[in-house]
Amino acid sequence: MNKKFIKVAFVAAIAMVSGVNVFNAQKVNALSDIALANVEALADEESDLADAIWNREDYTLDNGLPAATCWKGGNQNCIVK
């Protein structure tokens, strides 16, 4: 009877540890407001190409698509539309 009790206690302990692990895995870790702000800041486009500090020469490629060559120092943006 003593061996049977030890086996049951061992199985119960494993079941309890497994249950705790499942419970902890289901918790949702919400990001703080600062962390969310940092993620949003990193996701924002911070390209120099959008700034109006470029000289731009527009031209058309052989396939008819618009293109541009840009270099620093002007007063235009370098976004090809």
C-alpha atoms as a PDB file:
ATOM      1  CA  MET A   1       0.000   0.000   0.000  1.00  0.00           C
ATOM      2  CA  ASN A   2       2.917   2.321   0.744  1.00  0.00           C
ATOM      3  CA  LYS A   3       4.324   1.883  -2.798  1.00  0.00           C
ATOM      4  CA  LYS A   4       0.907   2.613  -4.306  1.00  0.00           C
ATOM      5  CA  PHE A   5       0.635   5.852  -2.281  1.00  0.00           C
ATOM      6  CA  ILE A   6       4.082   6.975  -3.457  1.00  0.00           C
ATOM      7  CA  LYS A   7       3.144   6.297  -7.097  1.00  0.00           C
ATOM      8  CA  VAL A   8      -0.107   8.253  -6.738  1.00  0.00           C
ATOM      9  CA  ALA A   9       1.704  11.132  -5.026  1.00  0.00           C
ATOM     10  CA  PHE A  10       4.344  11.143  -7.786  1.00  0.00           C
ATOM     11  CA  VAL A  11       1.695  11.256 -10.536  1.00  0.00           C
ATOM     12  CA  ALA A  12      -0.179  14.008  -8.663  1.00  0.00           C
ATOM     13  CA  ALA A  13       3.014  16.076  -8.358  1.00  0.00           C
ATOM     14  CA  ILE A  14       3.740  15.737 -12.075  1.00  0.00           C
ATOM     15  CA  ALA A  15       0.151  16.687 -12.892  1.00  0.00           C
ATOM     16  CA  MET A  16       0.389  19.740 -10.637  1.00  0.00           C
ATOM     17  CA  VAL A  17       3.674  20.909 -12.172  1.00  0.00           C
ATOM     18  CA  SER A  18       2.230  20.410 -15.656  1.00  0.00           C
ATOM     19  CA  GLY A  19      -0.892  22.367 -14.712  1.00  0.00           C
ATOM     20  CA  VAL A  20       1.176  25.268 -13.375  1.00  0.00           C
ATOM     21  CA  ASN A  21       3.239  25.328 -16.584  1.00  0.00           C
ATOM     22  CA  VAL A  22       0.099  25.374 -18.747  1.00  0.00           C
ATOM     23  CA  PHE A  23      -1.383  28.154 -16.616  1.00  0.00           C
ATOM     24  CA  ASN A  24       1.780  30.257 -16.889  1.00  0.00           C
ATOM     25  CA  ALA A  25       1.948  29.722 -20.639  1.00  0.00           C
ATOM     26  CA  GLN A  26      -1.548  31.151 -21.069  1.00  0.00           C
ATOM     27  CA  LYS A  27      -0.756  34.450 -19.374  1.00  0.00           C
ATOM     28  CA  VAL A  28      -0.711  37.423 -21.715  1.00  0.00           C
ATOM     29  CA  ASN A  29       2.248  39.709 -21.173  1.00  0.00           C
ATOM     30  CA  ALA A  30       0.956  43.147 -22.092  1.00  0.00           C
ATOM     31  CA  LEU A  31       3.592  45.664 -23.091  1.00  0.00           C
ATOM     32  CA  SER A  32       3.846  48.839 -21.090  1.00  0.00           C
ATOM     33  CA  ASP A  33       2.941  52.166 -22.690  1.00  0.00           C
ATOM     34  CA  ILE A  34       6.628  53.031 -22.981  1.00  0.00           C
ATOM     35  CA  ALA A  35       7.428  49.755 -24.718  1.00  0.00           C
ATOM     36  CA  LEU A  36       4.520  50.258 -27.142  1.00  0.00           C
ATOM     37  CA  ALA A  37       5.708  53.806 -27.872  1.00  0.00           C
ATOM     38  CA  ASN A  38       9.193  52.466 -28.588  1.00  0.00           C
ATOM     39  CA  VAL A  39       7.817  49.832 -30.967  1.00  0.00           C
ATOM     40  CA  GLU A  40       5.747  52.450 -32.786  1.00  0.00           C
ATOM     41  CA  ALA A  41       8.753  54.776 -33.022  1.00  0.00           C
ATOM     42  CA  LEU A  42      10.876  52.011 -34.501  1.00  0.00           C
ATOM     43  CA  ALA A  43       8.142  51.167 -36.993  1.00  0.00           C
ATOM     44  CA  ASP A  44       7.836  54.757 -38.253  1.00  0.00           C
ATOM     45  CA  GLU A  45       9.597  55.559 -41.481  1.00  0.00           C
ATOM     46  CA  GLU A  46      12.649  57.621 -40.676  1.00  0.00           C
ATOM     47  CA  SER A  47      14.169  57.703 -44.098  1.00  0.00           C
ATOM     48  CA  ASP A  48      16.134  60.747 -45.260  1.00  0.00           C
ATOM     49  CA  LEU A  49      14.504  60.231 -48.636  1.00  0.00           C
ATOM     50  CA  ALA A  50      11.292  61.858 -47.376  1.00  0.00           C
ATOM     51  CA  ASP A  51      13.052  65.009 -46.158  1.00  0.00           C
ATOM     52  CA  ALA A  52      13.079  68.020 -48.457  1.00  0.00           C
ATOM     53  CA  ILE A  53      16.868  68.357 -48.644  1.00  0.00           C
ATOM     54  CA  TRP A  54      17.588  66.754 -51.976  1.00  0.00           C
ATOM     55  CA  ASN A  55      18.367  67.723 -55.522  1.00  0.00           C
ATOM     56  CA  ARG A  56      16.390  65.475 -57.807  1.00  0.00           C
ATOM     57  CA  GLU A  57      16.640  64.619 -61.480  1.00  0.00           C
ATOM     58  CA  ASP A  58      13.532  62.869 -62.791  1.00  0.00           C
ATOM     59  CA  TYR A  59      13.652  60.561 -65.799  1.00  0.00           C
ATOM     60  CA  THR A  60      11.775  57.644 -67.326  1.00  0.00           C
ATOM     61  CA  LEU A  61      13.168  54.132 -67.525  1.00  0.00           C
ATOM     62  CA  ASP A  62      13.166  52.154 -70.787  1.00  0.00           C
ATOM     63  CA  ASN A  63      10.093  50.256 -69.568  1.00  0.00           C
ATOM     64  CA  GLY A  64       8.174  53.522 -69.081  1.00  0.00           C
ATOM     65  CA  LEU A  65       8.341  53.664 -65.290  1.00  0.00           C
ATOM     66  CA  PRO A  66       9.283  56.945 -63.599  1.00  0.00           C
ATOM     67  CA  ALA A  67      12.584  57.128 -61.740  1.00  0.00           C
ATOM     68  CA  ALA A  68      14.774  59.750 -60.114  1.00  0.00           C
ATOM     69  CA  THR A  69      18.362  60.315 -59.149  1.00  0.00           C
ATOM     70  CA  CYS A  70      18.781  62.220 -55.887  1.00  0.00           C
ATOM     71  CA  TRP A  71      21.714  63.836 -54.161  1.00  0.00           C
ATOM     72  CA  LYS A  72      21.910  65.928 -51.018  1.00  0.00           C
ATOM     73  CA  GLY A  73      21.838  69.670 -50.978  1.00  0.00           C
ATOM     74  CA  GLY A  74      18.627  70.812 -52.613  1.00  0.00           C
ATOM     75  CA  ASN A  75      15.125  71.724 -51.562  1.00  0.00           C
ATOM     76  CA  GLN A  76      13.095  68.826 -52.995  1.00  0.00           C
ATOM     77  CA  ASN A  77      12.068  65.459 -51.638  1.00  0.00           C
ATOM     78  CA  CYS A  78      13.263  62.238 -53.225  1.00  0.00           C
ATOM     79  CA  ILE A  79       9.982  60.346 -53.393  1.00  0.00           C
ATOM     80  CA  VAL A  80       9.206  59.128 -56.907  1.00  0.00           C
ATOM     81  CA  LYS A  81       5.474  59.038 -57.545  1.00  0.00           C
END
